[in-house]
Amino acid sequence: MRETTKKGNLYLIPTKLGESNYSAVFPELNREIILSLKTFIIEDIRSARRFLKSLKYPGNFDDVQFHILNEHTHEEDTYNYLENIFKGNNIGLLSDAGMPCIADPGNIIVQRAHRENIKVIPLIGPSSIFLALAASGFNGQEFSFNGYLPIKEAEKSKKLKELEKKVCQNNQTQIFIEAPYRNQKIFESILKTCNAETMLCIACDITLENEYIKTKTVLEWQKQNLPIQKRPTVFLLSR
């Protein structure tokens, strides 16, 4: 662990979940902090610049340092990402959508910050997972986030049955997501695999104008045509 007389902070910066009014979702303090930073750890350079431009970032992007962190980044490539913090500068870990490190890359950076005794400050912002859970009416004391389910149909059905078993035995809400272009497929798999009385919440486009959050039994969903293809969606199972 390196010691220095003064370290900067690592800010965890949430972003919008889609096309919505920034001031309606985030406190003004977030914007003030973001506009003061000159180093960002990001997933995608284009979306990061687009987000900063929407906040009227005052600096020239040629003077801003962007470090890429996504599924293609090797951990050894990130070793110098926090270097400016040891020079007394603050750094922002910027999500592509929602909260950093929740169904989102970045935890290895936060782990390293803690090892180096760097102060980690999470800014307030939306998480589609927690907003969906709160709005579902399901058990918020016992829940599990399962990320993405298997793509192959047989493996997916097996996993759904496992999750449904946990719901029935432990009254534990089961949460999962899917790539938006595969939403319809997984919705159909749920309706085909799960018991008729199992409760299913579909939460789409959270915080956006066309937000849709409904909880019904699987049997009730089977009677309804729900077009959710290409809409960011969280799926929740309960009893």
Protein backbone atom coordinates (compact mmCIF):
# COMPACT_ATOMS: atom_id res chain seq x y z
CA MET A 1 0.00 0.00 0.00
CA ARG A 2 1.34 3.39 -0.99
CA GLU A 3 1.19 6.29 1.42
CA THR A 4 0.91 9.92 0.39
CA THR A 5 0.26 13.15 2.24
CA LYS A 6 -2.88 13.77 0.25
CA LYS A 7 -4.96 11.47 -1.93
CA GLY A 8 -7.87 12.28 -4.12
CA ASN A 9 -11.19 10.45 -3.95
CA LEU A 10 -12.75 7.82 -6.18
CA TYR A 11 -16.30 8.87 -7.08
CA LEU A 12 -18.75 6.22 -8.31
CA ILE A 13 -20.85 8.06 -10.89
CA PRO A 14 -24.29 6.75 -11.90
CA THR A 15 -25.83 7.72 -15.21
CA LYS A 16 -29.31 7.79 -16.69
CA LEU A 17 -31.08 4.52 -17.52
CA GLY A 18 -32.23 6.00 -20.83
CA GLU A 19 -33.51 9.21 -22.38
CA SER A 20 -34.77 11.13 -19.36
CA ASN A 21 -34.33 14.53 -17.75
CA TYR A 22 -31.08 14.44 -15.74
CA SER A 23 -32.26 16.92 -13.12
CA ALA A 24 -35.37 14.81 -12.47
CA VAL A 25 -33.27 11.79 -11.46
CA PHE A 26 -30.04 13.15 -9.95
CA PRO A 27 -29.18 15.74 -7.30
CA GLU A 28 -27.35 18.87 -8.46
CA LEU A 29 -24.32 17.90 -6.35
CA ASN A 30 -23.65 15.01 -8.75
CA ARG A 31 -23.34 17.40 -11.68
CA GLU A 32 -21.03 19.72 -9.76
CA ILE A 33 -18.69 16.87 -8.87
CA ILE A 34 -18.71 15.39 -12.38
CA LEU A 35 -17.87 18.72 -14.01
CA SER A 36 -14.91 19.16 -11.67
CA LEU A 37 -13.22 15.89 -12.72
CA LYS A 38 -10.57 15.49 -15.40
CA THR A 39 -10.04 11.70 -15.18
CA PHE A 40 -12.73 9.08 -15.76
CA ILE A 41 -12.81 5.29 -15.81
CA ILE A 42 -15.45 4.37 -18.38
CA GLU A 43 -16.93 1.52 -20.41
CA ASP A 44 -17.27 3.26 -23.77
CA ILE A 45 -15.63 6.51 -24.90
CA ARG A 46 -18.54 7.64 -27.12
CA SER A 47 -21.26 7.16 -24.52
CA ALA A 48 -19.05 8.80 -21.85
CA ARG A 49 -18.46 11.88 -24.01
CA ARG A 50 -22.15 12.04 -24.93
CA PHE A 51 -23.09 11.95 -21.24
CA LEU A 52 -20.58 14.66 -20.31
CA LYS A 53 -21.70 16.87 -23.21
CA SER A 54 -25.30 16.56 -22.01
CA LEU A 55 -24.15 18.02 -18.67
CA LYS A 56 -22.33 20.84 -20.54
CA TYR A 57 -18.90 19.66 -19.45
CA PRO A 58 -16.71 22.78 -19.54
CA GLY A 59 -13.36 21.24 -20.43
CA ASN A 60 -11.80 20.19 -23.71
CA PHE A 61 -12.01 16.42 -24.07
CA ASP A 62 -8.43 16.42 -25.37
CA ASP A 63 -7.42 17.43 -21.83
CA VAL A 64 -9.54 14.73 -20.17
CA GLN A 65 -8.07 11.32 -19.37
CA PHE A 66 -10.35 8.39 -20.15
CA HIS A 67 -9.47 4.86 -18.99
CA ILE A 68 -11.46 2.01 -20.59
CA LEU A 69 -12.89 -0.71 -18.34
CA ASN A 70 -15.24 -3.24 -19.90
CA GLU A 71 -15.57 -6.99 -20.46
CA HIS A 72 -12.55 -6.94 -22.80
CA THR A 73 -10.22 -5.19 -20.31
CA HIS A 74 -7.59 -7.32 -18.56
CA GLU A 75 -7.02 -6.56 -14.90
CA GLU A 76 -3.32 -5.91 -15.44
CA ASP A 77 -4.25 -3.13 -17.89
CA THR A 78 -5.97 -1.23 -15.07
CA TYR A 79 -3.04 -1.01 -12.63
CA ASN A 80 -2.33 2.66 -13.42
CA TYR A 81 -5.96 3.81 -13.55
CA LEU A 82 -5.84 5.29 -10.03
CA GLU A 83 -2.45 6.97 -10.49
CA ASN A 84 -3.83 10.52 -10.50
CA ILE A 85 -5.43 9.96 -7.10
CA PHE A 86 -1.93 9.75 -5.57
CA LYS A 87 -1.26 13.19 -7.04
CA GLY A 88 -4.19 14.59 -5.08
CA ASN A 89 -6.73 14.50 -7.93
CA ASN A 90 -10.23 13.04 -7.82
CA ILE A 91 -11.29 10.37 -10.33
CA GLY A 92 -14.74 9.27 -11.48
CA LEU A 93 -15.78 5.68 -12.19
CA LEU A 94 -18.58 6.23 -14.70
CA SER A 95 -21.28 3.71 -15.52
CA ASP A 96 -22.85 3.38 -18.96
CA ALA A 97 -26.30 3.10 -17.34
CA GLY A 98 -27.39 3.09 -13.72
CA MET A 99 -25.03 2.51 -10.79
CA PRO A 100 -21.39 1.49 -11.23
CA CYS A 101 -20.46 -1.99 -9.96
CA ILE A 102 -24.07 -3.25 -9.80
CA ALA A 103 -24.57 -5.54 -12.80
CA ASP A 104 -21.82 -3.34 -14.15
CA PRO A 105 -18.00 -3.50 -14.32
CA GLY A 106 -15.81 -1.63 -11.88
CA ASN A 107 -15.52 -3.70 -8.72
CA ILE A 108 -11.82 -4.46 -9.31
CA ILE A 109 -11.13 -0.71 -9.30
CA VAL A 110 -13.06 -0.24 -6.06
CA GLN A 111 -11.25 -3.21 -4.48
CA ARG A 112 -7.90 -1.67 -5.36
CA ALA A 113 -9.00 1.69 -3.99
CA HIS A 114 -9.79 0.10 -0.63
CA ARG A 115 -6.44 -1.69 -0.58
CA GLU A 116 -4.72 1.64 -1.22
CA ASN A 117 -6.76 3.38 1.50
CA ILE A 118 -8.48 5.62 -1.07
CA LYS A 119 -11.82 7.09 -0.09
CA VAL A 120 -14.64 5.67 -2.23
CA ILE A 121 -17.70 7.93 -2.56
CA PRO A 122 -20.83 6.53 -4.27
CA LEU A 123 -23.01 9.27 -5.72
CA ILE A 124 -26.79 8.98 -5.60
CA GLY A 125 -28.41 7.52 -8.69
CA PRO A 126 -30.83 4.92 -10.05
CA SER A 127 -30.35 1.16 -10.07
CA SER A 128 -32.96 -0.57 -12.21
CA ILE A 129 -32.54 -3.71 -10.10
CA PHE A 130 -33.39 -2.08 -6.77
CA LEU A 131 -36.09 0.17 -8.22
CA ALA A 132 -37.75 -2.89 -9.78
CA LEU A 133 -37.55 -4.79 -6.50
CA ALA A 134 -39.09 -1.91 -4.56
CA ALA A 135 -41.95 -1.58 -7.07
CA SER A 136 -42.63 -5.31 -7.44
CA GLY A 137 -44.35 -5.89 -4.10
CA PHE A 138 -42.01 -8.85 -3.51
CA ASN A 139 -39.87 -9.70 -0.49
CA GLY A 140 -37.20 -7.01 -0.19
CA GLN A 141 -35.64 -8.59 2.92
CA GLU A 142 -34.54 -11.78 1.18
CA PHE A 143 -33.60 -11.55 -2.49
CA SER A 144 -30.96 -12.72 -4.93
CA PHE A 145 -29.72 -11.08 -8.11
CA ASN A 146 -28.75 -13.75 -10.66
CA GLY A 147 -27.46 -11.64 -13.53
CA TYR A 148 -28.04 -13.21 -16.95
CA LEU A 149 -29.58 -16.66 -17.32
CA PRO A 150 -28.14 -19.27 -19.74
CA ILE A 151 -28.93 -18.74 -23.42
CA LYS A 152 -29.50 -22.39 -24.37
CA GLU A 153 -33.12 -23.30 -23.82
CA ALA A 154 -32.55 -26.50 -21.82
CA GLU A 155 -30.06 -24.82 -19.48
CA LYS A 156 -32.30 -21.78 -19.15
CA SER A 157 -35.31 -23.91 -18.19
CA LYS A 158 -33.22 -25.78 -15.62
CA LYS A 159 -32.07 -22.49 -14.10
CA LEU A 160 -35.61 -21.10 -13.99
CA LYS A 161 -36.78 -24.19 -12.13
CA GLU A 162 -33.91 -23.76 -9.65
CA LEU A 163 -34.87 -20.14 -9.05
CA GLU A 164 -38.52 -21.04 -8.66
CA LYS A 165 -37.56 -23.69 -6.07
CA LYS A 166 -35.68 -21.04 -4.05
CA VAL A 167 -38.75 -18.81 -4.22
CA CYS A 168 -41.01 -21.55 -2.88
CA GLN A 169 -38.67 -22.94 -0.23
CA ASN A 170 -37.12 -19.72 1.10
CA ASN A 171 -39.55 -16.97 0.05
CA GLN A 172 -36.51 -15.37 -1.57
CA THR A 173 -37.20 -13.00 -4.46
CA GLN A 174 -35.22 -13.99 -7.55
CA ILE A 175 -34.08 -11.20 -9.88
CA PHE A 176 -32.45 -11.49 -13.30
CA ILE A 177 -31.93 -9.52 -16.49
CA GLU A 178 -31.40 -10.20 -20.17
CA ALA A 179 -29.95 -8.45 -23.19
CA PRO A 180 -32.91 -6.38 -24.48
CA TYR A 181 -32.96 -8.11 -27.87
CA ARG A 182 -33.52 -11.47 -26.08
CA ASN A 183 -36.29 -10.24 -23.75
CA GLN A 184 -39.18 -11.81 -25.65
CA LYS A 185 -37.40 -15.15 -25.71
CA ILE A 186 -36.81 -15.29 -21.97
CA PHE A 187 -40.34 -14.05 -21.27
CA GLU A 188 -41.69 -16.96 -23.31
CA SER A 189 -39.37 -19.37 -21.47
CA ILE A 190 -40.66 -18.16 -18.09
CA LEU A 191 -44.28 -18.63 -19.15
CA LYS A 192 -43.53 -22.11 -20.47
CA THR A 193 -41.37 -23.29 -17.55
CA CYS A 194 -42.70 -21.76 -14.33
CA ASN A 195 -45.79 -22.80 -12.38
CA ALA A 196 -49.04 -20.98 -13.12
CA GLU A 197 -49.29 -19.54 -9.59
CA THR A 198 -45.71 -18.21 -9.48
CA MET A 199 -45.63 -14.41 -9.32
CA LEU A 200 -43.70 -12.59 -12.04
CA CYS A 201 -42.90 -8.89 -12.12
CA ILE A 202 -41.88 -7.29 -15.41
CA ALA A 203 -40.15 -3.91 -15.00
CA CYS A 204 -39.32 -2.10 -18.27
CA ASP A 205 -37.76 1.27 -19.07
CA ILE A 206 -37.43 2.29 -15.43
CA THR A 207 -37.32 6.09 -14.84
CA LEU A 208 -38.26 6.73 -18.49
CA GLU A 209 -41.50 8.22 -19.84
CA ASN A 210 -42.78 4.82 -21.02
CA GLU A 211 -41.89 3.05 -17.75
CA TYR A 212 -43.88 -0.17 -17.28
CA ILE A 213 -43.93 -2.18 -14.03
CA LYS A 214 -46.53 -4.88 -13.45
CA THR A 215 -46.80 -7.90 -11.16
CA LYS A 216 -49.06 -10.84 -12.13
CA THR A 217 -49.15 -14.61 -11.84
CA VAL A 218 -47.55 -16.59 -14.66
CA LEU A 219 -51.07 -17.72 -15.61
CA GLU A 220 -52.22 -14.11 -15.93
CA TRP A 221 -49.16 -13.23 -18.02
CA GLN A 222 -49.93 -16.16 -20.33
CA LYS A 223 -53.19 -14.43 -21.27
CA GLN A 224 -51.48 -11.15 -22.16
CA ASN A 225 -49.39 -10.15 -25.15
CA LEU A 226 -46.53 -8.02 -23.83
CA PRO A 227 -44.08 -6.58 -26.39
CA ILE A 228 -40.85 -6.03 -24.45
CA GLN A 229 -38.29 -6.72 -27.15
CA LYS A 230 -35.41 -4.23 -27.06
CA ARG A 231 -36.74 -2.56 -23.88
CA PRO A 232 -34.35 -2.65 -20.89
CA THR A 233 -36.15 -5.03 -18.54
CA VAL A 234 -35.74 -6.54 -15.07
CA PHE A 235 -37.48 -9.84 -14.31
CA LEU A 236 -38.46 -10.84 -10.76
CA LEU A 237 -39.96 -14.10 -9.46
CA SER A 238 -41.77 -14.55 -6.16
CA ARG A 239 -44.58 -16.57 -4.61
